[in-house]
Protein backbone atom coordinates (compact mmCIF):
# COMPACT_ATOMS: atom_id res chain seq x y z
CA MET A 1 38.93 -20.37 -30.89
CA ASP A 2 38.46 -19.61 -26.80
CA GLY A 3 39.38 -21.39 -24.60
CA TYR A 4 38.12 -23.04 -20.90
CA ILE A 5 39.74 -23.47 -17.46
CA LEU A 6 39.56 -27.27 -17.02
CA THR A 7 38.38 -28.18 -13.55
CA THR A 8 36.30 -30.67 -11.21
CA THR A 9 32.78 -30.47 -10.44
CA LYS A 10 33.62 -31.24 -7.52
CA ASN A 11 36.67 -30.42 -5.33
CA THR A 12 39.44 -33.35 -5.50
CA PHE A 13 41.93 -31.42 -3.94
CA GLY A 14 43.21 -34.12 -0.91
CA TRP A 15 41.61 -37.29 -2.04
CA VAL A 16 45.17 -38.51 -3.28
CA GLU A 17 48.63 -37.23 -2.05
CA TYR A 18 51.22 -37.24 -3.60
CA ASP A 19 54.93 -39.08 -2.22
CA ASN A 20 57.06 -36.04 -2.93
CA ASP A 21 60.23 -37.94 -1.03
CA ILE A 22 60.16 -40.65 -3.01
CA SER A 23 58.32 -39.44 -6.21
CA LEU A 24 59.90 -37.04 -9.68
CA ASP A 25 60.07 -33.44 -8.15
CA TYR A 26 56.20 -32.55 -9.72
CA LYS A 27 57.09 -29.59 -10.94
CA GLU A 28 58.77 -30.83 -13.17
CA PHE A 29 54.95 -31.27 -14.63
CA LEU A 30 54.41 -27.84 -14.59
CA LYS A 31 56.97 -26.79 -16.50
CA GLY A 32 55.06 -27.07 -19.84
CA GLU A 33 57.98 -28.96 -21.92
CA ARG A 34 57.75 -32.68 -22.51
CA LEU A 35 59.12 -35.44 -20.16
CA LEU A 36 61.89 -37.20 -21.52
CA TYR A 37 61.69 -40.93 -19.81
CA LYS A 38 58.72 -43.62 -20.12
CA ASP A 39 58.64 -45.18 -16.79
CA LEU A 40 58.28 -42.12 -13.66
CA PRO A 41 58.72 -42.46 -10.01
CA LEU A 42 55.12 -41.09 -9.68
CA PHE A 43 53.53 -42.22 -6.29
CA TYR A 44 50.20 -41.96 -5.05
CA ASN A 45 48.76 -42.16 -1.30
CA ILE A 46 45.09 -42.50 -0.81
CA PRO A 47 44.70 -41.53 3.09
CA LYS A 48 41.31 -42.05 3.58
CA SER A 49 39.81 -45.72 2.71
CA SER A 50 36.13 -44.13 2.89
CA ASN A 51 36.99 -42.28 -0.29
CA LEU A 52 38.17 -44.90 -2.47
CA LYS A 53 34.80 -45.39 -3.99
CA LYS A 54 34.39 -41.74 -5.17
CA ILE A 55 37.97 -42.08 -6.42
CA ARG A 56 37.22 -45.12 -8.26
CA SER A 57 34.49 -42.74 -10.31
CA ALA A 58 36.65 -39.67 -11.13
CA VAL A 59 37.53 -38.60 -14.16
CA LEU A 60 40.53 -35.91 -13.06
CA LEU A 61 42.00 -36.22 -9.73
CA GLU A 62 44.15 -32.85 -8.50
CA SER A 63 46.74 -33.08 -5.90
CA THR A 64 49.80 -31.89 -4.28
CA GLY A 65 51.77 -33.86 -7.39
CA PRO A 66 50.48 -33.54 -11.41
CA GLU A 67 46.78 -34.70 -11.92
CA LEU A 68 45.59 -37.55 -12.58
CA VAL A 69 43.38 -38.66 -15.16
CA CYS A 70 41.63 -41.50 -15.52
CA ARG A 71 41.58 -44.20 -18.29
CA GLN A 72 38.74 -43.75 -20.82
CA PHE A 73 39.47 -39.21 -19.80
CA LYS A 74 43.16 -40.25 -20.83
CA GLU A 75 41.69 -42.07 -24.69
CA VAL A 76 39.56 -39.69 -25.23
CA LEU A 77 42.64 -36.64 -24.84
CA GLU A 78 44.58 -39.68 -27.05
CA THR A 79 42.62 -39.33 -30.01
CA GLN A 80 42.63 -35.89 -29.80
CA VAL A 81 45.87 -34.39 -29.45
CA GLN A 82 49.12 -36.14 -30.85
CA ASP A 83 51.67 -34.30 -27.72
CA ILE A 84 49.86 -34.95 -24.48
CA GLN A 85 51.92 -37.40 -22.42
CA PHE A 86 50.72 -39.99 -19.74
CA PHE A 87 52.79 -41.91 -17.33
CA ASP A 88 51.89 -44.99 -15.26
CA VAL A 89 51.19 -44.27 -11.63
CA ASP A 90 51.72 -46.53 -8.21
CA LEU A 91 48.26 -45.41 -6.38
CA PHE A 92 47.39 -47.29 -3.38
CA CYS A 93 44.73 -47.32 -0.82
CA GLY A 94 46.83 -48.72 2.57
CA ASN A 95 48.61 -51.85 0.19
CA GLU A 96 45.88 -52.07 -2.00
CA LYS A 97 46.78 -51.05 -5.07
CA ILE A 98 44.41 -48.95 -7.24
CA ASP A 99 44.64 -48.98 -11.58
CA GLY A 100 43.50 -47.23 -13.93
CA PHE A 101 44.88 -43.42 -13.53
CA TYR A 102 47.60 -41.62 -14.81
CA ALA A 103 49.70 -39.11 -14.34
CA MET A 104 48.88 -35.91 -17.17
CA ASN A 105 51.92 -34.12 -18.46
CA VAL A 106 50.71 -30.85 -20.91
CA PRO A 107 54.00 -30.21 -22.73
CA HIS A 108 52.54 -26.06 -23.78
CA LEU A 109 52.92 -22.88 -21.49
CA MET A 110 50.85 -20.28 -22.54
CA LYS A 111 49.68 -16.91 -21.51
CA CYS A 112 46.53 -17.28 -20.90
CA ILE A 113 44.93 -14.76 -19.01
CA ASP A 114 43.63 -11.72 -19.54
CA LEU A 115 45.54 -9.62 -16.79
CA GLU A 116 43.30 -5.96 -17.59
CA ASN A 117 40.34 -7.99 -17.17
CA SER A 118 41.07 -10.05 -14.33
CA GLU A 119 41.34 -9.05 -10.90
CA PHE A 120 44.52 -9.75 -8.48
CA ARG A 121 47.54 -9.28 -6.49
CA LEU A 122 51.50 -9.20 -7.89
CA MET A 123 52.87 -11.66 -5.08
CA ASN A 124 56.78 -11.27 -5.92
CA PHE A 125 58.78 -8.21 -7.74
CA ASP A 126 60.39 -10.56 -10.27
CA ARG A 127 59.25 -9.02 -13.73
CA ASN A 128 60.49 -11.74 -15.91
CA ASN A 129 58.39 -14.24 -14.10
CA PRO A 130 55.62 -12.70 -11.50
CA ASP A 131 53.69 -14.41 -9.58
CA TYR A 132 49.81 -13.62 -9.50
CA MET A 133 47.52 -14.69 -6.64
CA PHE A 134 44.12 -14.66 -9.34
CA TYR A 135 40.65 -12.82 -7.04
CA TYR A 136 38.55 -13.06 -10.49
CA MET A 137 40.26 -14.78 -13.46
CA LYS A 138 39.45 -14.31 -17.00
CA LEU A 139 40.37 -16.58 -20.05
CA ARG A 140 42.28 -13.99 -23.16
CA ARG A 141 39.57 -14.48 -25.59
CA ASN A 142 40.46 -16.59 -29.23
CA LEU A 143 43.58 -18.41 -27.49
CA PHE A 144 43.40 -20.97 -29.33
CA ASP A 145 43.43 -19.44 -32.99
CA ASN A 146 46.59 -19.36 -34.02
CA ASN A 147 47.70 -22.31 -31.97
CA LYS A 148 49.25 -25.30 -32.82
CA THR A 149 47.19 -27.48 -29.82
CA ASP A 150 44.16 -27.83 -28.25
CA ILE A 151 45.01 -28.03 -24.37
CA VAL A 152 48.01 -25.80 -22.75
CA ARG A 153 49.11 -25.15 -19.33
CA CYS A 154 48.32 -21.70 -18.02
CA GLU A 155 51.81 -19.99 -17.78
CA GLU A 156 50.23 -17.10 -15.32
CA MET A 157 48.33 -20.24 -13.22
CA HIS A 158 50.07 -23.41 -13.77
CA ARG A 159 48.35 -25.74 -11.75
CA SER A 160 45.65 -24.46 -14.63
CA ILE A 161 44.94 -26.57 -17.63
CA VAL A 162 43.23 -25.20 -20.03
CA VAL A 163 41.45 -26.66 -23.03
CA SER A 164 40.45 -25.43 -26.50
CA GLU A 165 36.33 -26.51 -27.31
CA LYS A 166 37.44 -29.31 -29.91
CA ILE A 167 39.22 -30.61 -26.25
CA LYS A 168 35.32 -30.12 -24.85
CA THR A 169 33.54 -31.31 -26.89
CA ALA A 170 35.44 -34.79 -27.30
CA LEU A 171 35.13 -34.93 -23.18
CA PHE A 172 31.35 -33.83 -23.76
CA ALA A 173 30.58 -36.26 -26.31
CA ALA A 174 32.42 -39.07 -24.53
CA GLY A 175 30.14 -38.15 -21.35
CA LEU A 176 32.90 -37.96 -18.44
CA ASN A 177 31.15 -36.77 -16.06
CA GLY A 178 32.69 -34.61 -13.18
CA LEU A 179 34.36 -32.32 -15.04
CA GLN A 180 33.67 -28.30 -15.43
CA PHE A 181 35.05 -25.68 -18.06
CA SER A 182 34.92 -22.33 -17.28
CA ASP A 183 36.23 -19.12 -18.88
CA SER A 184 35.87 -17.09 -16.13
CA ILE A 185 36.46 -18.33 -12.29
CA ASP A 186 35.36 -16.17 -9.63
CA MET A 187 37.65 -16.70 -5.91
CA THR A 188 35.12 -13.57 -4.80
CA PRO A 189 31.46 -13.63 -3.15
CA LYS A 190 30.28 -11.65 -6.63
CA GLU A 191 30.14 -15.36 -7.89
CA ARG A 192 31.00 -14.10 -11.78
CA THR A 193 32.44 -17.61 -12.51
CA ILE A 194 30.87 -18.44 -15.92
CA TYR A 195 30.91 -22.14 -16.83
CA GLU A 196 29.31 -25.48 -17.98
CA ARG A 197 29.52 -28.98 -16.62
CA ILE A 198 29.13 -32.29 -17.75
């Protein structure tokens, strides 16, 4: 079964800011490991109150910390995936606390990128832990054929979440607007990105 890079149709980066000083180190969410605690210090701030309406209707929010998902997204994934983790967060706009969002932890890390058909620059010289900057990123075929999960963090790009056809279908059926599913992402002007949107 093929996989899809899960992103938003609008760039939500910067709508919310993760407070790294008083929150759990966000890198814990990028390891692809289960987090052992139920209550974690996860604090977010909305820097522009003018974004509040857009934030309230968002399904997935990207930030400098862990991704935030809305309650409906969380409920859909909990019916499809057994070991995904969601954590309550403290999200504030000024003094107003905003409810209905959760930090998502994907406890699986997997090699997802077809490096032979992608274009990238190697950013370090560590063979055991290479760091890539992708210009064109193409997913491997049949990613989920022998896998026991349906959602993973991409080992080559830790900020990327890859889902199976099963998850994509469930999210489409739920009608969660604002999501994009891509099997390739092109950062160049060649426009080779292939995607489906809700």
